Amino acid sequence: MVPVSYNYRNLMVRWRTTLMTASGFTLVVMALMIMLAFVSGVQLVCARSGQPDNVICLREGNFDEILSQMERGVAFRLQTMSGVSRGTDGQPLCSRELFMPVTQWIASRQDYVQYQIRGVYPLALAVHTQVRISEGRMFRRNYRETIVGRSMAREENLRVGGKLPVGQIEWEIVGMFEADGSSFESEAWCDLDQLSNHFHREGIYSSVVLRTPSPAAAEALAQDLRASKVVSVEAQTEVHYYEQQAQQTETIRAGALVIAFFMAIGAVLGVTNTMFAAIGERIKDIAVMRLLGFRRGEILISFLLESLLIAVFGGIVGSLLAYCVNGLTVSTAMGGKSVAFAFNVDSTIISIGATFALTMGIIGGLLPAMSAMRVDALETMR
């Protein structure tokens, strides 16, 4: 076999060309991994938002709570359904909720900000068990008090004891909550009656969330509600609801792969051109190696390995640069909502980036390597 040190020395001699070619791999791998990390981060937030024991009910024909408007009578009938769990006080674990995006002018910023407000009753904490107060306390019924999610507090620079302007009224922030990184952390929760009165939405709910004893019971209840003649709602488990919300990211994933494909073509052409130029410069070296007894297959492997070394170097640098965004928190629109999430560069995405780089290296180096393999030693040395 041709020593690897031979390929390494040749790459070092032509280090400028090597770096330029490797930069193409770096850009492709970095762009692909960042876009996949974006999709993974959104999907992770959605996966954490859904409780497998919960059933979310929306108005019939609606599949997003931002558009749903349910009447009070329907909501009260839902809590009497068989299969709904009850709390220690015997009360049905049924959370009536009003979700409202509110666009607010902030004078200190001289700009508009959109807040996401969810009106609930304290019972909601027993239904959404991943939500827990991390600072301060829960809001009181019939008071203009609110608790804000960790992500919303960070983005809007809110704190306990401060004020949250909603319309012409400032609500007192009495607590902050965490929700295992779910989409709820991008919201502010307040008393349902106060919110509905403020926006003249009395007796109207966006959704009703029902707690059941188990995931199997939740699926059975959702099926019963969809088939019910007594109450007409769109019912599904919370897990399925947020999975549907996350499906919007599949378009982004497909777009990332298409963009990466076209960028990869450029990287492949770059390494092909580089390797052909290297072979042209070293054609006599190849002839000498043939005369020394190296077989055609060994020449092929040697030059293919050289292409792979460029791909590996570019792929490693691209992966390191992409990993720099891991954990970076940003916001994106999802189903009419603004959701804060963190880029998630996991082992799967790193594996995809590495595989992509190696594949480009093999494709780009194969034709030049085959060309080197066919060099006629005697004809070249004449």
Protein backbone atom coordinates (compact mmCIF):
# COMPACT_ATOMS: atom_id res chain seq x y z
CA MET A 1 0.00 0.00 0.00
CA VAL A 2 1.10 3.57 -0.66
CA PRO A 3 2.05 5.16 2.72
CA VAL A 4 -0.51 7.65 4.05
CA SER A 5 2.35 10.02 4.80
CA TYR A 6 2.78 10.45 1.03
CA ASN A 7 -0.76 11.85 0.73
CA TYR A 8 -0.34 13.97 3.84
CA ARG A 9 2.88 15.58 2.58
CA ASN A 10 1.31 16.38 -0.78
CA LEU A 11 -1.64 18.06 0.93
CA MET A 12 0.75 20.12 3.05
CA VAL A 13 2.77 21.19 0.00
CA ARG A 14 -0.41 22.43 -1.67
CA TRP A 15 -1.90 23.78 1.57
CA ARG A 16 -3.58 26.83 0.01
CA THR A 17 -5.48 24.70 -2.51
CA THR A 18 -6.25 22.16 0.21
CA LEU A 19 -7.74 24.81 2.49
CA MET A 20 -9.85 26.32 -0.28
CA THR A 21 -11.24 22.91 -1.21
CA ALA A 22 -11.84 21.92 2.41
CA SER A 23 -13.71 25.19 3.01
CA GLY A 24 -16.38 24.00 0.59
CA PHE A 25 -16.96 20.92 2.75
CA THR A 26 -16.95 23.11 5.85
CA LEU A 27 -19.70 25.37 4.54
CA VAL A 28 -21.89 22.50 3.35
CA VAL A 29 -21.61 20.49 6.56
CA MET A 30 -22.07 23.57 8.77
CA ALA A 31 -25.16 24.79 6.88
CA LEU A 32 -26.76 21.34 6.85
CA MET A 33 -26.16 20.72 10.55
CA ILE A 34 -27.43 24.15 11.62
CA MET A 35 -30.66 23.75 9.65
CA LEU A 36 -31.19 20.25 11.03
CA ALA A 37 -30.44 21.54 14.55
CA PHE A 38 -33.17 24.16 14.04
CA VAL A 39 -35.70 21.48 13.10
CA SER A 40 -34.58 19.22 15.95
CA GLY A 41 -34.93 22.04 18.47
CA VAL A 42 -38.50 22.84 17.43
CA GLN A 43 -39.48 19.17 17.45
CA LEU A 44 -37.98 18.74 20.91
CA VAL A 45 -40.06 21.62 22.26
CA CYS A 46 -43.21 20.10 20.75
CA ALA A 47 -42.40 16.68 22.16
CA ARG A 48 -42.04 18.18 25.65
CA SER A 49 -45.30 20.15 25.37
CA GLY A 50 -47.64 17.19 25.01
CA GLN A 51 -48.66 15.14 28.04
CA PRO A 52 -49.60 11.56 27.04
CA ASP A 53 -52.33 11.45 29.71
CA ASN A 54 -54.06 14.61 28.43
CA VAL A 55 -56.74 15.09 25.77
CA ILE A 56 -57.05 18.51 24.15
CA CYS A 57 -60.46 19.48 22.77
CA LEU A 58 -60.97 22.24 20.22
CA ARG A 59 -64.00 23.55 18.39
CA GLU A 60 -65.16 21.19 15.66
CA GLY A 61 -63.32 21.91 12.42
CA ASN A 62 -60.37 23.63 14.15
CA PHE A 63 -56.95 22.04 14.59
CA ASP A 64 -55.14 24.93 16.29
CA GLU A 65 -56.27 26.57 19.51
CA ILE A 66 -55.42 30.03 18.23
CA LEU A 67 -58.48 29.79 15.92
CA SER A 68 -60.74 27.72 18.17
CA GLN A 69 -63.71 29.24 20.01
CA MET A 70 -65.66 26.87 22.24
CA GLU A 71 -68.81 27.79 24.12
CA ARG A 72 -69.24 27.37 27.85
CA GLY A 73 -71.94 24.70 27.51
CA VAL A 74 -69.67 22.45 25.48
CA ALA A 75 -66.86 22.85 27.99
CA PHE A 76 -69.08 21.86 30.92
CA ARG A 77 -70.34 18.79 29.08
CA LEU A 78 -66.75 17.70 28.43
CA GLN A 79 -65.85 17.57 32.12
CA THR A 80 -68.69 15.12 32.78
CA MET A 81 -67.35 12.60 30.25
CA SER A 82 -66.47 9.14 31.49
CA GLY A 83 -62.71 8.65 31.72
CA VAL A 84 -61.81 12.11 33.05
CA SER A 85 -59.67 11.90 36.18
CA ARG A 86 -60.63 13.66 39.37
CA GLY A 87 -58.49 15.53 41.87
CA THR A 88 -58.19 14.86 45.59
CA ASP A 89 -61.23 17.08 46.15
CA GLY A 90 -63.30 15.09 43.66
CA GLN A 91 -63.26 17.88 41.08
CA PRO A 92 -62.85 16.79 37.43
CA LEU A 93 -59.36 17.55 36.12
CA CYS A 94 -60.64 19.69 33.29
CA SER A 95 -58.75 22.84 32.33
CA ARG A 96 -60.73 25.46 30.43
CA GLU A 97 -58.29 27.77 28.66
CA LEU A 98 -58.31 30.94 26.60
CA PHE A 99 -55.20 31.52 24.50
CA MET A 100 -54.66 35.00 23.09
CA PRO A 101 -51.70 36.54 21.25
CA VAL A 102 -51.60 40.22 22.23
CA THR A 103 -49.67 42.84 20.27
CA GLN A 104 -48.48 45.52 22.69
CA TRP A 105 -46.73 48.84 22.09
CA ILE A 106 -43.74 49.19 24.45
CA ALA A 107 -42.83 52.85 24.83
CA SER A 108 -39.38 52.15 26.29
CA ARG A 109 -38.47 50.15 23.16
CA GLN A 110 -40.43 52.27 20.72
CA ASP A 111 -41.61 49.04 19.16
CA TYR A 112 -44.46 46.51 19.15
CA VAL A 113 -44.09 43.24 21.05
CA GLN A 114 -46.36 40.21 20.84
CA TYR A 115 -47.20 38.54 24.13
CA GLN A 116 -48.87 35.16 24.34
CA ILE A 117 -51.39 35.10 27.18
CA ARG A 118 -53.18 31.99 28.42
CA GLY A 119 -56.13 32.41 30.71
CA VAL A 120 -56.55 29.44 33.06
CA TYR A 121 -57.76 28.51 36.50
CA PRO A 122 -55.30 27.25 39.17
CA LEU A 123 -56.59 23.74 38.42
CA ALA A 124 -54.50 23.92 35.22
CA LEU A 125 -51.38 23.03 37.24
CA ALA A 126 -52.95 19.67 38.11
CA VAL A 127 -53.69 19.03 34.41
CA HIS A 128 -50.43 20.32 32.92
CA THR A 129 -48.19 18.51 35.39
CA GLN A 130 -44.95 19.62 33.70
CA VAL A 131 -45.72 23.24 34.66
CA ARG A 132 -44.31 24.21 38.06
CA ILE A 133 -43.74 27.53 39.82
CA SER A 134 -39.99 28.16 40.03
CA GLU A 135 -40.10 31.62 41.59
CA GLY A 136 -42.77 33.61 43.41
CA ARG A 137 -46.29 32.19 43.67
CA MET A 138 -49.38 31.29 41.66
CA PHE A 139 -51.73 34.10 40.66
CA ARG A 140 -54.93 34.58 42.66
CA ARG A 141 -58.43 34.24 41.27
CA ASN A 142 -60.15 37.49 40.26
CA TYR A 143 -56.92 39.51 40.48
CA ARG A 144 -54.95 41.05 37.64
CA GLU A 145 -51.92 38.94 38.40
CA THR A 146 -49.87 36.77 36.08
CA ILE A 147 -47.09 34.21 36.05
CA VAL A 148 -44.67 34.14 33.13
CA GLY A 149 -42.75 31.29 31.53
CA ARG A 150 -38.98 31.13 31.80
CA SER A 151 -38.38 31.69 28.06
CA MET A 152 -40.75 34.65 27.89
CA ALA A 153 -39.18 36.21 30.99
CA ARG A 154 -35.71 35.88 29.49
CA GLU A 155 -36.64 37.30 26.09
CA GLU A 156 -38.72 40.18 27.42
CA ASN A 157 -36.54 40.89 30.48
CA LEU A 158 -39.40 40.31 32.92
CA ARG A 159 -39.08 39.62 36.64
CA VAL A 160 -41.24 38.84 39.64
CA GLY A 161 -42.63 42.07 41.06
CA GLY A 162 -42.60 43.76 37.66
CA LYS A 163 -45.48 44.65 35.39
CA LEU A 164 -46.75 43.07 32.18
CA PRO A 165 -48.72 45.57 30.06
CA VAL A 166 -51.74 43.97 28.39
CA GLY A 167 -53.87 46.47 26.50
CA GLN A 168 -54.34 49.53 28.66
CA ILE A 169 -53.79 47.64 31.90
CA GLU A 170 -50.61 46.50 33.63
CA TRP A 171 -50.74 43.06 35.21
CA GLU A 172 -48.57 42.32 38.21
CA ILE A 173 -46.04 39.52 37.71
CA VAL A 174 -46.26 37.40 40.86
CA GLY A 175 -44.40 34.30 39.73
CA MET A 176 -42.36 32.53 37.09
CA PHE A 177 -42.76 28.95 35.95
CA GLU A 178 -40.85 26.25 34.14
CA ALA A 179 -42.36 23.54 31.96
CA ASP A 180 -39.49 21.18 31.01
CA GLY A 181 -38.60 23.34 28.02
CA SER A 182 -42.08 23.08 26.45
CA SER A 183 -43.87 25.76 24.43
CA PHE A 184 -45.72 26.86 27.60
CA GLU A 185 -42.53 28.60 28.72
CA SER A 186 -43.10 31.17 25.96
CA GLU A 187 -46.43 32.22 27.53
CA ALA A 188 -47.84 34.22 30.43
CA TRP A 189 -50.67 32.63 32.45
CA CYS A 190 -53.33 34.62 34.24
CA ASP A 191 -56.84 34.29 35.65
CA LEU A 192 -59.23 33.13 32.94
CA ASP A 193 -62.12 35.33 34.08
CA GLN A 194 -59.98 38.44 34.22
CA LEU A 195 -58.59 37.83 30.73
CA SER A 196 -61.96 37.06 29.15
CA ASN A 197 -63.56 40.12 30.77
CA HIS A 198 -60.72 42.37 29.65
CA PHE A 199 -61.11 41.30 26.00
CA HIS A 200 -64.89 40.75 26.12
CA ARG A 201 -64.61 37.01 25.53
CA GLU A 202 -66.87 35.87 28.37
CA GLY A 203 -67.98 32.26 28.05
CA ILE A 204 -65.55 31.53 25.19
CA TYR A 205 -62.62 29.13 25.44
CA SER A 206 -59.87 28.27 23.01
CA SER A 207 -59.47 24.75 24.32
CA VAL A 208 -60.45 22.36 27.05
CA VAL A 209 -57.77 19.97 28.30
CA LEU A 210 -58.90 16.80 30.07
CA ARG A 211 -56.64 14.73 32.34
CA THR A 212 -57.02 10.92 32.23
CA PRO A 213 -55.45 8.13 34.33
CA SER A 214 -53.14 6.84 31.57
CA PRO A 215 -52.06 7.28 27.92
CA ALA A 216 -54.34 4.40 26.91
CA ALA A 217 -57.29 6.05 28.66
CA ALA A 218 -56.45 9.34 26.91
CA GLU A 219 -56.50 7.68 23.50
CA ALA A 220 -59.80 5.95 24.30
CA LEU A 221 -61.39 9.20 25.50
CA ALA A 222 -60.24 11.05 22.38
CA GLN A 223 -61.82 8.37 20.18
CA ASP A 224 -65.06 8.48 22.19
CA LEU A 225 -65.25 12.27 21.85
CA ARG A 226 -64.67 12.16 18.10
CA ALA A 227 -67.49 9.63 17.75
CA SER A 228 -69.81 11.33 20.26
CA LYS A 229 -73.28 12.56 19.20
CA VAL A 230 -73.67 14.52 22.41
CA VAL A 231 -70.74 16.89 22.04
CA SER A 232 -69.08 17.99 18.78
CA VAL A 233 -65.38 18.76 19.20
CA GLU A 234 -62.02 18.04 17.64
CA ALA A 235 -60.42 15.81 20.26
CA GLN A 236 -56.93 14.33 20.25
CA THR A 237 -54.24 13.47 22.72
CA GLU A 238 -51.89 16.33 23.53
CA VAL A 239 -48.97 14.30 22.17
CA HIS A 240 -50.68 13.96 18.79
CA TYR A 241 -51.69 17.63 18.78
CA TYR A 242 -48.13 18.86 19.24
CA GLU A 243 -46.80 16.29 16.79
CA GLN A 244 -49.05 17.91 14.18
CA GLN A 245 -47.67 21.31 15.14
CA ALA A 246 -44.12 19.96 14.67
CA GLN A 247 -44.93 18.64 11.20
CA GLN A 248 -44.59 22.20 9.94
CA THR A 249 -40.84 21.78 10.38
CA GLU A 250 -40.74 18.96 7.83
CA THR A 251 -40.86 21.57 5.09
CA ILE A 252 -37.81 23.22 6.64
CA ARG A 253 -36.04 19.85 6.82
CA ALA A 254 -36.78 19.15 3.15
CA GLY A 255 -35.57 22.63 2.21
CA ALA A 256 -32.36 22.07 4.20
CA LEU A 257 -31.63 18.86 2.31
CA VAL A 258 -32.30 20.49 -1.07
CA ILE A 259 -30.02 23.44 -0.26
CA ALA A 260 -27.34 21.09 1.05
CA PHE A 261 -27.60 18.98 -2.11
CA PHE A 262 -26.88 21.92 -4.40
CA MET A 263 -24.09 23.17 -2.13
CA ALA A 264 -22.66 19.65 -2.12
CA ILE A 265 -22.48 19.66 -5.92
CA GLY A 266 -20.20 22.67 -5.72
CA ALA A 267 -18.03 21.01 -3.05
CA VAL A 268 -17.78 17.79 -5.06
CA LEU A 269 -16.78 19.68 -8.20
CA GLY A 270 -14.20 21.58 -6.18
CA VAL A 271 -12.50 18.47 -4.81
CA THR A 272 -12.69 16.80 -8.24
CA ASN A 273 -10.95 19.77 -9.84
CA THR A 274 -8.34 19.86 -7.07
CA MET A 275 -7.55 16.16 -7.40
CA PHE A 276 -7.32 16.30 -11.19
CA ALA A 277 -4.86 19.21 -10.86
CA ALA A 278 -2.85 17.25 -8.29
CA ILE A 279 -2.66 14.23 -10.58
CA GLY A 280 -1.52 16.42 -13.47
CA GLU A 281 1.31 17.79 -11.32
CA ARG A 282 2.33 14.36 -10.01
CA ILE A 283 1.92 12.19 -13.07
CA LYS A 284 5.62 11.27 -13.06
CA ASP A 285 5.38 10.36 -9.37
CA ILE A 286 2.53 8.02 -10.22
CA ALA A 287 4.62 6.46 -13.01
CA VAL A 288 7.51 5.89 -10.60
CA MET A 289 5.18 4.25 -8.08
CA ARG A 290 3.93 1.93 -10.81
CA LEU A 291 7.52 1.01 -11.74
CA LEU A 292 8.28 0.35 -8.05
CA GLY A 293 5.54 -2.26 -8.05
CA PHE A 294 2.49 -0.51 -6.64
CA ARG A 295 -0.64 -1.97 -8.21
CA ARG A 296 -3.38 0.04 -9.90
CA GLY A 297 -5.78 -0.63 -7.04
CA GLU A 298 -3.28 0.74 -4.54
CA ILE A 299 -2.89 3.91 -6.60
CA LEU A 300 -6.69 4.25 -6.69
CA ILE A 301 -7.00 3.86 -2.92
CA SER A 302 -4.14 6.30 -2.31
CA PHE A 303 -5.69 9.17 -4.27
CA LEU A 304 -9.18 8.39 -2.99
CA LEU A 305 -7.77 8.55 0.53
CA GLU A 306 -6.31 11.97 -0.24
CA SER A 307 -9.74 13.21 -1.24
CA LEU A 308 -11.21 11.75 1.94
CA LEU A 309 -8.59 13.52 4.07
CA ILE A 310 -9.74 16.85 2.62
CA ALA A 311 -13.37 15.89 3.28
CA VAL A 312 -12.63 14.79 6.86
CA PHE A 313 -10.79 18.02 7.63
CA GLY A 314 -13.59 20.17 6.17
CA GLY A 315 -16.25 18.05 7.88
CA ILE A 316 -14.62 18.33 11.31
CA VAL A 317 -14.27 22.10 11.06
CA GLY A 318 -17.87 22.39 9.80
CA SER A 319 -19.15 20.22 12.67
CA LEU A 320 -17.27 22.28 15.25
CA LEU A 321 -18.65 25.53 13.86
CA ALA A 322 -22.18 24.10 13.77
CA TYR A 323 -21.86 22.85 17.35
CA CYS A 324 -21.26 26.43 18.45
CA VAL A 325 -25.01 27.11 17.99
CA ASN A 326 -26.00 24.16 20.20
CA GLY A 327 -28.21 25.50 22.98
CA LEU A 328 -28.60 28.92 21.33
CA THR A 329 -32.14 30.09 22.10
CA VAL A 330 -34.25 31.80 19.44
CA SER A 331 -37.95 32.15 18.64
CA THR A 332 -39.93 30.96 15.65
CA ALA A 333 -43.56 31.04 14.52
CA MET A 334 -45.37 27.72 14.83
CA GLY A 335 -49.07 27.34 14.22
CA GLY A 336 -49.66 31.06 14.70
CA LYS A 337 -47.66 31.08 17.93
CA SER A 338 -44.20 32.32 18.75
CA VAL A 339 -42.22 29.51 20.39
CA ALA A 340 -38.80 29.87 22.00
CA PHE A 341 -36.50 26.92 21.44
CA ALA A 342 -32.82 26.00 21.54
CA PHE A 343 -30.83 24.68 18.58
CA ASN A 344 -30.19 20.99 19.23
CA VAL A 345 -27.01 19.53 17.72
CA ASP A 346 -27.24 15.90 18.85
CA SER A 347 -25.32 12.75 17.93
CA THR A 348 -27.70 11.98 15.05
CA ILE A 349 -27.06 15.35 13.40
CA ILE A 350 -23.31 15.00 13.89
CA SER A 351 -23.47 11.55 12.26
CA ILE A 352 -25.43 12.97 9.32
CA GLY A 353 -22.83 15.73 8.85
CA ALA A 354 -19.94 13.24 8.97
CA THR A 355 -21.64 10.86 6.53
CA PHE A 356 -22.42 13.72 4.17
CA ALA A 357 -18.80 14.91 4.19
CA LEU A 358 -17.39 11.44 3.56
CA THR A 359 -19.89 10.79 0.77
CA MET A 360 -18.90 14.03 -0.94
CA GLY A 361 -15.23 13.13 -0.56
CA ILE A 362 -15.72 9.71 -2.15
CA ILE A 363 -17.82 11.03 -5.05
CA GLY A 364 -15.47 13.95 -5.69
CA GLY A 365 -12.29 11.86 -5.53
CA LEU A 366 -13.41 8.76 -7.39
CA LEU A 367 -12.99 9.99 -10.99
CA PRO A 368 -9.55 11.57 -10.39
CA ALA A 369 -8.42 8.42 -8.55
CA MET A 370 -9.54 6.25 -11.46
CA SER A 371 -7.65 8.55 -13.81
CA ALA A 372 -4.47 8.17 -11.72
CA MET A 373 -4.91 4.41 -11.69
CA ARG A 374 -4.85 4.29 -15.50
CA VAL A 375 -1.51 6.13 -15.89
CA ASP A 376 0.84 4.17 -18.17
CA ALA A 377 4.23 4.13 -16.42
CA LEU A 378 6.44 3.46 -19.45
CA GLU A 379 4.63 5.93 -21.69
CA THR A 380 4.88 8.64 -19.04
CA MET A 381 8.60 8.14 -18.37
CA ARG A 382 9.64 8.42 -22.02
